[in-house]
N, C-alpha and C. Protein backbone atom coordinates (compact mmCIF):
# COMPACT_ATOMS: atom_id res chain seq x y z
N MET A 1 -18.70 14.22 3.96
CA MET A 1 -17.74 13.15 4.06
C MET A 1 -18.40 11.86 3.56
N GLY A 2 -17.74 11.15 2.66
CA GLY A 2 -18.29 9.94 2.09
C GLY A 2 -17.95 8.70 2.89
N LEU A 3 -18.67 7.65 2.62
CA LEU A 3 -18.45 6.36 3.27
C LEU A 3 -17.27 5.66 2.61
N LYS A 4 -16.35 5.14 3.41
CA LYS A 4 -15.17 4.45 2.89
C LYS A 4 -15.13 3.03 3.43
N PHE A 5 -14.50 2.15 2.66
CA PHE A 5 -14.34 0.76 3.06
C PHE A 5 -12.89 0.36 2.84
N ARG A 6 -12.29 -0.31 3.81
CA ARG A 6 -10.93 -0.81 3.68
C ARG A 6 -10.80 -2.07 4.52
N LYS A 7 -10.19 -3.10 3.94
CA LYS A 7 -9.97 -4.36 4.65
C LYS A 7 -8.59 -4.86 4.31
N SER A 8 -7.85 -5.28 5.32
CA SER A 8 -6.51 -5.82 5.14
C SER A 8 -6.49 -7.25 5.67
N ILE A 9 -6.05 -8.19 4.83
CA ILE A 9 -6.03 -9.61 5.20
C ILE A 9 -4.58 -10.09 5.14
N LYS A 10 -4.10 -10.63 6.25
CA LYS A 10 -2.73 -11.13 6.31
C LYS A 10 -2.68 -12.52 5.66
N LEU A 11 -1.84 -12.66 4.64
CA LEU A 11 -1.72 -13.94 3.92
C LEU A 11 -0.51 -14.74 4.36
N GLY A 12 0.42 -14.11 5.01
CA GLY A 12 1.63 -14.77 5.47
C GLY A 12 2.38 -13.82 6.38
N LYS A 13 3.58 -14.20 6.76
CA LYS A 13 4.36 -13.38 7.68
C LYS A 13 4.59 -11.97 7.15
N ASN A 14 4.94 -11.84 5.90
CA ASN A 14 5.24 -10.53 5.32
C ASN A 14 4.42 -10.22 4.07
N VAL A 15 3.20 -10.78 3.96
CA VAL A 15 2.35 -10.55 2.79
C VAL A 15 0.94 -10.21 3.26
N LYS A 16 0.39 -9.09 2.72
CA LYS A 16 -0.97 -8.67 3.04
C LYS A 16 -1.75 -8.39 1.77
N LEU A 17 -3.04 -8.71 1.79
CA LEU A 17 -3.97 -8.36 0.73
C LEU A 17 -4.81 -7.21 1.26
N ASN A 18 -4.80 -6.09 0.55
CA ASN A 18 -5.54 -4.90 0.97
C ASN A 18 -6.68 -4.66 -0.02
N ILE A 19 -7.89 -4.48 0.48
CA ILE A 19 -9.06 -4.28 -0.37
C ILE A 19 -9.76 -3.00 0.06
N ASN A 20 -10.09 -2.14 -0.92
CA ASN A 20 -10.90 -0.97 -0.63
C ASN A 20 -11.92 -0.78 -1.74
N THR A 21 -12.68 0.29 -1.70
CA THR A 21 -13.77 0.47 -2.66
C THR A 21 -13.28 0.69 -4.09
N ASN A 22 -12.06 1.19 -4.27
CA ASN A 22 -11.57 1.49 -5.61
C ASN A 22 -10.64 0.44 -6.21
N SER A 23 -9.94 -0.31 -5.39
CA SER A 23 -8.97 -1.27 -5.92
C SER A 23 -8.57 -2.28 -4.85
N ALA A 24 -7.67 -3.15 -5.24
CA ALA A 24 -7.08 -4.11 -4.32
C ALA A 24 -5.57 -4.04 -4.52
N SER A 25 -4.82 -4.44 -3.50
CA SER A 25 -3.37 -4.42 -3.62
C SER A 25 -2.75 -5.51 -2.77
N VAL A 26 -1.51 -5.82 -3.09
CA VAL A 26 -0.74 -6.79 -2.32
C VAL A 26 0.50 -6.07 -1.80
N THR A 27 0.76 -6.20 -0.51
CA THR A 27 1.93 -5.61 0.11
C THR A 27 2.87 -6.71 0.56
N ILE A 28 4.13 -6.60 0.14
CA ILE A 28 5.15 -7.58 0.49
C ILE A 28 6.25 -6.87 1.27
N GLY A 29 6.62 -7.41 2.40
CA GLY A 29 7.67 -6.83 3.22
C GLY A 29 7.17 -6.56 4.62
N GLY A 30 8.05 -6.08 5.46
CA GLY A 30 7.68 -5.83 6.84
C GLY A 30 8.11 -4.44 7.27
N LYS A 31 8.39 -4.31 8.55
CA LYS A 31 8.83 -3.03 9.08
C LYS A 31 10.16 -2.65 8.44
N GLY A 32 10.28 -1.42 8.08
CA GLY A 32 11.51 -0.94 7.47
C GLY A 32 11.40 -0.80 5.97
N VAL A 33 11.03 -1.86 5.26
CA VAL A 33 10.91 -1.83 3.80
C VAL A 33 9.71 -2.66 3.38
N HIS A 34 8.85 -2.08 2.53
CA HIS A 34 7.78 -2.87 1.93
C HIS A 34 7.44 -2.32 0.54
N HIS A 35 6.88 -3.21 -0.29
CA HIS A 35 6.53 -2.88 -1.67
C HIS A 35 5.06 -3.24 -1.87
N THR A 36 4.29 -2.31 -2.46
CA THR A 36 2.87 -2.52 -2.68
C THR A 36 2.56 -2.42 -4.16
N ILE A 37 1.83 -3.41 -4.68
CA ILE A 37 1.40 -3.43 -6.07
C ILE A 37 -0.11 -3.40 -6.08
N SER A 38 -0.70 -2.44 -6.82
CA SER A 38 -2.14 -2.23 -6.81
C SER A 38 -2.77 -2.60 -8.16
N THR A 39 -4.06 -2.94 -8.13
CA THR A 39 -4.78 -3.27 -9.35
C THR A 39 -5.05 -2.03 -10.20
N ASN A 40 -4.89 -0.83 -9.66
CA ASN A 40 -5.13 0.37 -10.47
C ASN A 40 -3.89 0.81 -11.24
N GLY A 41 -2.83 0.01 -11.22
CA GLY A 41 -1.65 0.27 -12.03
C GLY A 41 -0.51 0.97 -11.33
N THR A 42 -0.59 1.15 -10.03
CA THR A 42 0.49 1.81 -9.32
C THR A 42 1.29 0.82 -8.49
N ALA A 43 2.54 1.18 -8.25
CA ALA A 43 3.40 0.39 -7.37
C ALA A 43 4.13 1.37 -6.46
N LYS A 44 4.19 1.06 -5.17
CA LYS A 44 4.84 1.93 -4.20
C LYS A 44 5.89 1.14 -3.44
N THR A 45 7.03 1.76 -3.22
CA THR A 45 8.07 1.20 -2.37
C THR A 45 8.30 2.18 -1.24
N THR A 46 8.24 1.68 -0.01
CA THR A 46 8.43 2.53 1.16
C THR A 46 9.59 2.01 1.99
N VAL A 47 10.48 2.92 2.34
CA VAL A 47 11.62 2.61 3.20
C VAL A 47 11.51 3.53 4.40
N GLY A 48 11.56 2.96 5.60
CA GLY A 48 11.43 3.79 6.79
C GLY A 48 12.31 3.32 7.93
N ILE A 49 12.38 4.15 8.94
CA ILE A 49 13.11 3.81 10.16
C ILE A 49 12.07 3.45 11.21
N PRO A 50 11.94 2.17 11.56
CA PRO A 50 10.90 1.73 12.49
C PRO A 50 10.96 2.47 13.82
N GLY A 51 9.78 2.85 14.29
CA GLY A 51 9.67 3.51 15.58
C GLY A 51 9.86 5.01 15.57
N THR A 52 10.22 5.58 14.39
CA THR A 52 10.47 7.02 14.33
C THR A 52 9.39 7.79 13.60
N GLY A 53 8.63 7.11 12.73
CA GLY A 53 7.65 7.80 11.90
C GLY A 53 8.27 8.42 10.66
N ILE A 54 9.55 8.20 10.43
CA ILE A 54 10.24 8.74 9.27
C ILE A 54 10.28 7.69 8.17
N SER A 55 9.79 8.08 6.98
CA SER A 55 9.82 7.14 5.86
C SER A 55 9.92 7.90 4.55
N TYR A 56 10.30 7.18 3.50
CA TYR A 56 10.39 7.72 2.16
C TYR A 56 9.66 6.77 1.23
N THR A 57 8.76 7.31 0.39
CA THR A 57 7.96 6.49 -0.51
C THR A 57 8.16 6.94 -1.95
N THR A 58 8.35 5.97 -2.85
CA THR A 58 8.37 6.27 -4.29
C THR A 58 7.20 5.56 -4.93
N THR A 59 6.58 6.23 -5.91
CA THR A 59 5.43 5.68 -6.60
C THR A 59 5.73 5.62 -8.09
N THR A 60 5.38 4.48 -8.71
CA THR A 60 5.52 4.34 -10.16
C THR A 60 4.19 3.88 -10.73
N GLY A 61 4.01 4.11 -12.01
CA GLY A 61 2.77 3.70 -12.66
C GLY A 61 1.84 4.88 -12.87
N LYS A 62 0.56 4.59 -13.02
CA LYS A 62 -0.44 5.61 -13.29
C LYS A 62 -0.61 6.54 -12.10
N LYS A 63 -0.81 7.79 -12.38
CA LYS A 63 -1.09 8.77 -11.34
C LYS A 63 -2.59 8.80 -11.10
N LYS A 64 -2.99 8.90 -9.86
CA LYS A 64 -4.40 8.94 -9.50
C LYS A 64 -4.96 10.32 -9.84
N THR A 65 -6.09 10.36 -10.53
CA THR A 65 -6.73 11.63 -10.84
C THR A 65 -7.99 11.77 -10.01
N HIS A 66 -8.24 12.99 -9.57
CA HIS A 66 -9.43 13.27 -8.78
C HIS A 66 -10.52 13.80 -9.69
N LYS A 67 -11.73 13.32 -9.50
CA LYS A 67 -12.85 13.79 -10.33
C LYS A 67 -13.80 14.59 -9.48
């Protein structure tokens, strides 16, 4: 198991800056609906029902490849 790093910094009420070892991203939105744009070329939109654990995510942009 490798060492991982992840840090999330709240920039405003509904805006977060997420930093990890491979990229950085900005998440806009709150519970229920949020959109994430990453420096690795992907964008994700997640829609969920708060408190249930049920959500649907769509991803656009580059697909992550495993090496």
